[in-house]
Amino acid sequence: MPYNQPHSVVIKLLQELGVTSLIANAGSLPLSDLCKSVPKLGQIVWVVEKTSRHMDWSGTPEEAAGRVTVSVWHGLVQDNQSASAELPSREGVEPGNVSQVWLTRQGVLGEVVEFTQKVSFLIAC
């Protein structure tokens, strides 16, 4: 996602992309507006600076309770320190597409380019 954009532009991009999960700097976007405006959003992970970790960042707005889970990155890392280093099997899992947002200037919605995971071959003769 582009950084340092007006909240309305970022929310429109999230809506257009159909985002289901978001990892962002804590407090960089208004949580209540996100939960109201991005209906597919089900998970938010805040990355919190060390100096702000004493605050509770895991609260969920009343209107999104039960639909959106909010957690903090450092908490997820702490909770999973004893997790296995072995990666889970990818068998039968279809990788999702990757979207890139191209902005020409600040405050303008820009263009979303989506890259699929399909393999295409180009044969030049």
C-alpha atoms as a PDB file:
ATOM      1  CA  MET A   1       0.000   0.000   0.000  1.00  0.00           C
ATOM      2  CA  PRO A   2       1.198   3.505  -0.647  1.00  0.00           C
ATOM      3  CA  TYR A   3       2.415   5.290   2.459  1.00  0.00           C
ATOM      4  CA  ASN A   4       1.381   8.712   3.762  1.00  0.00           C
ATOM      5  CA  GLN A   5      -1.889   8.980   1.833  1.00  0.00           C
ATOM      6  CA  PRO A   6      -5.189  10.474   3.021  1.00  0.00           C
ATOM      7  CA  HIS A   7      -7.326   7.921   4.871  1.00  0.00           C
ATOM      8  CA  SER A   8     -10.105   8.160   2.275  1.00  0.00           C
ATOM      9  CA  VAL A   9      -7.697   7.163  -0.535  1.00  0.00           C
ATOM     10  CA  VAL A  10      -6.311   4.197   1.397  1.00  0.00           C
ATOM     11  CA  ILE A  11      -9.816   2.991   2.335  1.00  0.00           C
ATOM     12  CA  LYS A  12     -10.954   3.211  -1.316  1.00  0.00           C
ATOM     13  CA  LEU A  13      -7.916   1.156  -2.357  1.00  0.00           C
ATOM     14  CA  LEU A  14      -8.648  -1.454   0.322  1.00  0.00           C
ATOM     15  CA  GLN A  15     -12.263  -1.659  -0.884  1.00  0.00           C
ATOM     16  CA  GLU A  16     -11.204  -2.002  -4.522  1.00  0.00           C
ATOM     17  CA  LEU A  17      -8.721  -4.745  -3.670  1.00  0.00           C
ATOM     18  CA  GLY A  18     -11.244  -6.647  -1.530  1.00  0.00           C
ATOM     19  CA  VAL A  19      -8.738  -6.860   1.317  1.00  0.00           C
ATOM     20  CA  THR A  20      -9.430  -9.495   3.975  1.00  0.00           C
ATOM     21  CA  SER A  21      -6.312  -8.922   6.118  1.00  0.00           C
ATOM     22  CA  LEU A  22      -4.281  -5.811   6.791  1.00  0.00           C
ATOM     23  CA  ILE A  23      -0.899  -5.271   8.445  1.00  0.00           C
ATOM     24  CA  ALA A  24      -0.195  -1.598   9.128  1.00  0.00           C
ATOM     25  CA  ASN A  25       1.546   0.800  11.483  1.00  0.00           C
ATOM     26  CA  ALA A  26      -0.472   1.131  14.672  1.00  0.00           C
ATOM     27  CA  GLY A  27      -2.739   4.150  14.549  1.00  0.00           C
ATOM     28  CA  SER A  28      -1.963   4.947  10.913  1.00  0.00           C
ATOM     29  CA  LEU A  29      -5.588   4.395   9.873  1.00  0.00           C
ATOM     30  CA  PRO A  30      -8.797   5.014  11.813  1.00  0.00           C
ATOM     31  CA  LEU A  31      -9.909   1.577  13.027  1.00  0.00           C
ATOM     32  CA  SER A  32     -13.607   2.410  13.180  1.00  0.00           C
ATOM     33  CA  ASP A  33     -13.644   3.743   9.593  1.00  0.00           C
ATOM     34  CA  LEU A  34     -11.746   0.676   8.372  1.00  0.00           C
ATOM     35  CA  CYS A  35     -14.223  -1.713   9.963  1.00  0.00           C
ATOM     36  CA  LYS A  36     -17.236   0.187   8.605  1.00  0.00           C
ATOM     37  CA  SER A  37     -15.916   0.824   5.098  1.00  0.00           C
ATOM     38  CA  VAL A  38     -14.083  -2.391   4.190  1.00  0.00           C
ATOM     39  CA  PRO A  39     -16.696  -5.151   4.598  1.00  0.00           C
ATOM     40  CA  LYS A  40     -14.412  -8.084   3.692  1.00  0.00           C
ATOM     41  CA  LEU A  41     -11.798  -7.070   6.260  1.00  0.00           C
ATOM     42  CA  GLY A  42     -11.583  -9.756   8.920  1.00  0.00           C
ATOM     43  CA  GLN A  43      -8.115  -9.347  10.417  1.00  0.00           C
ATOM     44  CA  ILE A  44      -5.982  -6.343  11.311  1.00  0.00           C
ATOM     45  CA  VAL A  45      -2.450  -6.633  12.665  1.00  0.00           C
ATOM     46  CA  TRP A  46      -0.914  -3.454  14.035  1.00  0.00           C
ATOM     47  CA  VAL A  47       2.864  -3.058  14.023  1.00  0.00           C
ATOM     48  CA  VAL A  48       3.583  -1.063  17.180  1.00  0.00           C
ATOM     49  CA  GLU A  49       6.727   0.952  17.890  1.00  0.00           C
ATOM     50  CA  LYS A  50       8.578  -0.184  20.987  1.00  0.00           C
ATOM     51  CA  THR A  51       7.791   3.093  22.784  1.00  0.00           C
ATOM     52  CA  SER A  52       4.031   2.589  22.330  1.00  0.00           C
ATOM     53  CA  ARG A  53       3.735  -1.064  23.333  1.00  0.00           C
ATOM     54  CA  HIS A  54       2.435  -0.146  26.772  1.00  0.00           C
ATOM     55  CA  MET A  55      -0.874   0.890  25.133  1.00  0.00           C
ATOM     56  CA  ASP A  56      -3.675  -1.549  24.291  1.00  0.00           C
ATOM     57  CA  TRP A  57      -3.877  -1.707  20.478  1.00  0.00           C
ATOM     58  CA  SER A  58      -6.002  -4.850  20.259  1.00  0.00           C
ATOM     59  CA  GLY A  59      -9.418  -3.295  20.817  1.00  0.00           C
ATOM     60  CA  THR A  60     -12.146  -3.871  18.232  1.00  0.00           C
ATOM     61  CA  PRO A  61     -14.906  -1.317  17.549  1.00  0.00           C
ATOM     62  CA  GLU A  62     -18.331  -2.379  18.816  1.00  0.00           C
ATOM     63  CA  GLU A  63     -19.826  -2.504  15.305  1.00  0.00           C
ATOM     64  CA  ALA A  64     -17.115  -4.935  14.172  1.00  0.00           C
ATOM     65  CA  ALA A  65     -17.030  -7.249  17.200  1.00  0.00           C
ATOM     66  CA  GLY A  66     -17.103 -10.877  16.073  1.00  0.00           C
ATOM     67  CA  ARG A  67     -16.282  -9.944  12.459  1.00  0.00           C
ATOM     68  CA  VAL A  68     -12.855  -8.326  12.740  1.00  0.00           C
ATOM     69  CA  THR A  69      -9.984  -9.505  14.919  1.00  0.00           C
ATOM     70  CA  VAL A  70      -7.340  -6.978  15.891  1.00  0.00           C
ATOM     71  CA  SER A  71      -3.924  -8.038  17.142  1.00  0.00           C
ATOM     72  CA  VAL A  72      -0.402  -6.657  17.438  1.00  0.00           C
ATOM     73  CA  TRP A  73       2.653  -8.015  15.641  1.00  0.00           C
ATOM     74  CA  HIS A  74       4.904  -8.230  18.712  1.00  0.00           C
ATOM     75  CA  GLY A  75       2.164 -10.161  20.540  1.00  0.00           C
ATOM     76  CA  LEU A  76       1.885 -12.679  17.712  1.00  0.00           C
ATOM     77  CA  VAL A  77       5.651 -13.158  17.717  1.00  0.00           C
ATOM     78  CA  GLN A  78       5.723 -13.680  21.504  1.00  0.00           C
ATOM     79  CA  ASP A  79       2.813 -16.135  21.392  1.00  0.00           C
ATOM     80  CA  ASN A  80       4.491 -18.240  18.709  1.00  0.00           C
ATOM     81  CA  GLN A  81       8.115 -18.325  19.887  1.00  0.00           C
ATOM     82  CA  SER A  82       7.938 -22.061  20.471  1.00  0.00           C
ATOM     83  CA  ALA A  83       6.392 -22.763  17.049  1.00  0.00           C
ATOM     84  CA  SER A  84       8.135 -25.220  14.771  1.00  0.00           C
ATOM     85  CA  ALA A  85      10.555 -23.834  12.194  1.00  0.00           C
ATOM     86  CA  GLU A  86       9.107 -26.279   9.658  1.00  0.00           C
ATOM     87  CA  LEU A  87       6.872 -24.640   7.084  1.00  0.00           C
ATOM     88  CA  PRO A  88       3.347 -26.014   6.649  1.00  0.00           C
ATOM     89  CA  SER A  89       2.538 -28.046   3.559  1.00  0.00           C
ATOM     90  CA  ARG A  90       1.325 -26.037   0.541  1.00  0.00           C
ATOM     91  CA  GLU A  91      -0.223 -29.100  -1.086  1.00  0.00           C
ATOM     92  CA  GLY A  92      -3.663 -28.297  -2.453  1.00  0.00           C
ATOM     93  CA  VAL A  93      -3.315 -24.583  -1.634  1.00  0.00           C
ATOM     94  CA  GLU A  94      -3.782 -22.189  -4.531  1.00  0.00           C
ATOM     95  CA  PRO A  95      -1.605 -19.070  -4.102  1.00  0.00           C
ATOM     96  CA  GLY A  96      -3.454 -15.772  -4.304  1.00  0.00           C
ATOM     97  CA  ASN A  97      -2.802 -12.909  -6.648  1.00  0.00           C
ATOM     98  CA  VAL A  98      -0.466 -10.029  -5.825  1.00  0.00           C
ATOM     99  CA  SER A  99      -1.714  -6.469  -6.270  1.00  0.00           C
ATOM    100  CA  GLN A 100       0.435  -3.401  -6.744  1.00  0.00           C
ATOM    101  CA  VAL A 101      -0.791   0.148  -6.353  1.00  0.00           C
ATOM    102  CA  TRP A 102       0.730   2.726  -8.676  1.00  0.00           C
ATOM    103  CA  LEU A 103       0.243   6.355  -7.654  1.00  0.00           C
ATOM    104  CA  THR A 104       1.123   9.363  -9.748  1.00  0.00           C
ATOM    105  CA  ARG A 105       0.676  11.865  -6.902  1.00  0.00           C
ATOM    106  CA  GLN A 106      -0.472  12.062  -3.296  1.00  0.00           C
ATOM    107  CA  GLY A 107      -4.205  12.001  -2.677  1.00  0.00           C
ATOM    108  CA  VAL A 108      -5.134  10.454  -6.040  1.00  0.00           C
ATOM    109  CA  LEU A 109      -6.535   6.919  -6.119  1.00  0.00           C
ATOM    110  CA  GLY A 110      -4.031   5.718  -8.721  1.00  0.00           C
ATOM    111  CA  GLU A 111      -4.028   2.435 -10.601  1.00  0.00           C
ATOM    112  CA  VAL A 112      -4.206  -1.087  -9.211  1.00  0.00           C
ATOM    113  CA  VAL A 113      -2.301  -3.725 -11.177  1.00  0.00           C
ATOM    114  CA  GLU A 114      -3.010  -7.346 -10.300  1.00  0.00           C
ATOM    115  CA  PHE A 115      -0.522 -10.119 -10.977  1.00  0.00           C
ATOM    116  CA  THR A 116      -1.829 -13.682 -11.099  1.00  0.00           C
ATOM    117  CA  GLN A 117       0.031 -16.833 -10.146  1.00  0.00           C
ATOM    118  CA  LYS A 118      -0.649 -18.472 -13.517  1.00  0.00           C
ATOM    119  CA  VAL A 119       2.401 -19.421 -15.527  1.00  0.00           C
ATOM    120  CA  SER A 120       2.499 -18.098 -19.057  1.00  0.00           C
ATOM    121  CA  PHE A 121       5.046 -19.067 -21.639  1.00  0.00           C
ATOM    122  CA  LEU A 122       6.334 -16.808 -24.329  1.00  0.00           C
ATOM    123  CA  ILE A 123       8.206 -18.443 -27.153  1.00  0.00           C
ATOM    124  CA  ALA A 124      10.152 -16.099 -29.382  1.00  0.00           C
ATOM    125  CA  CYS A 125      11.218 -17.357 -32.772  1.00  0.00           C
END
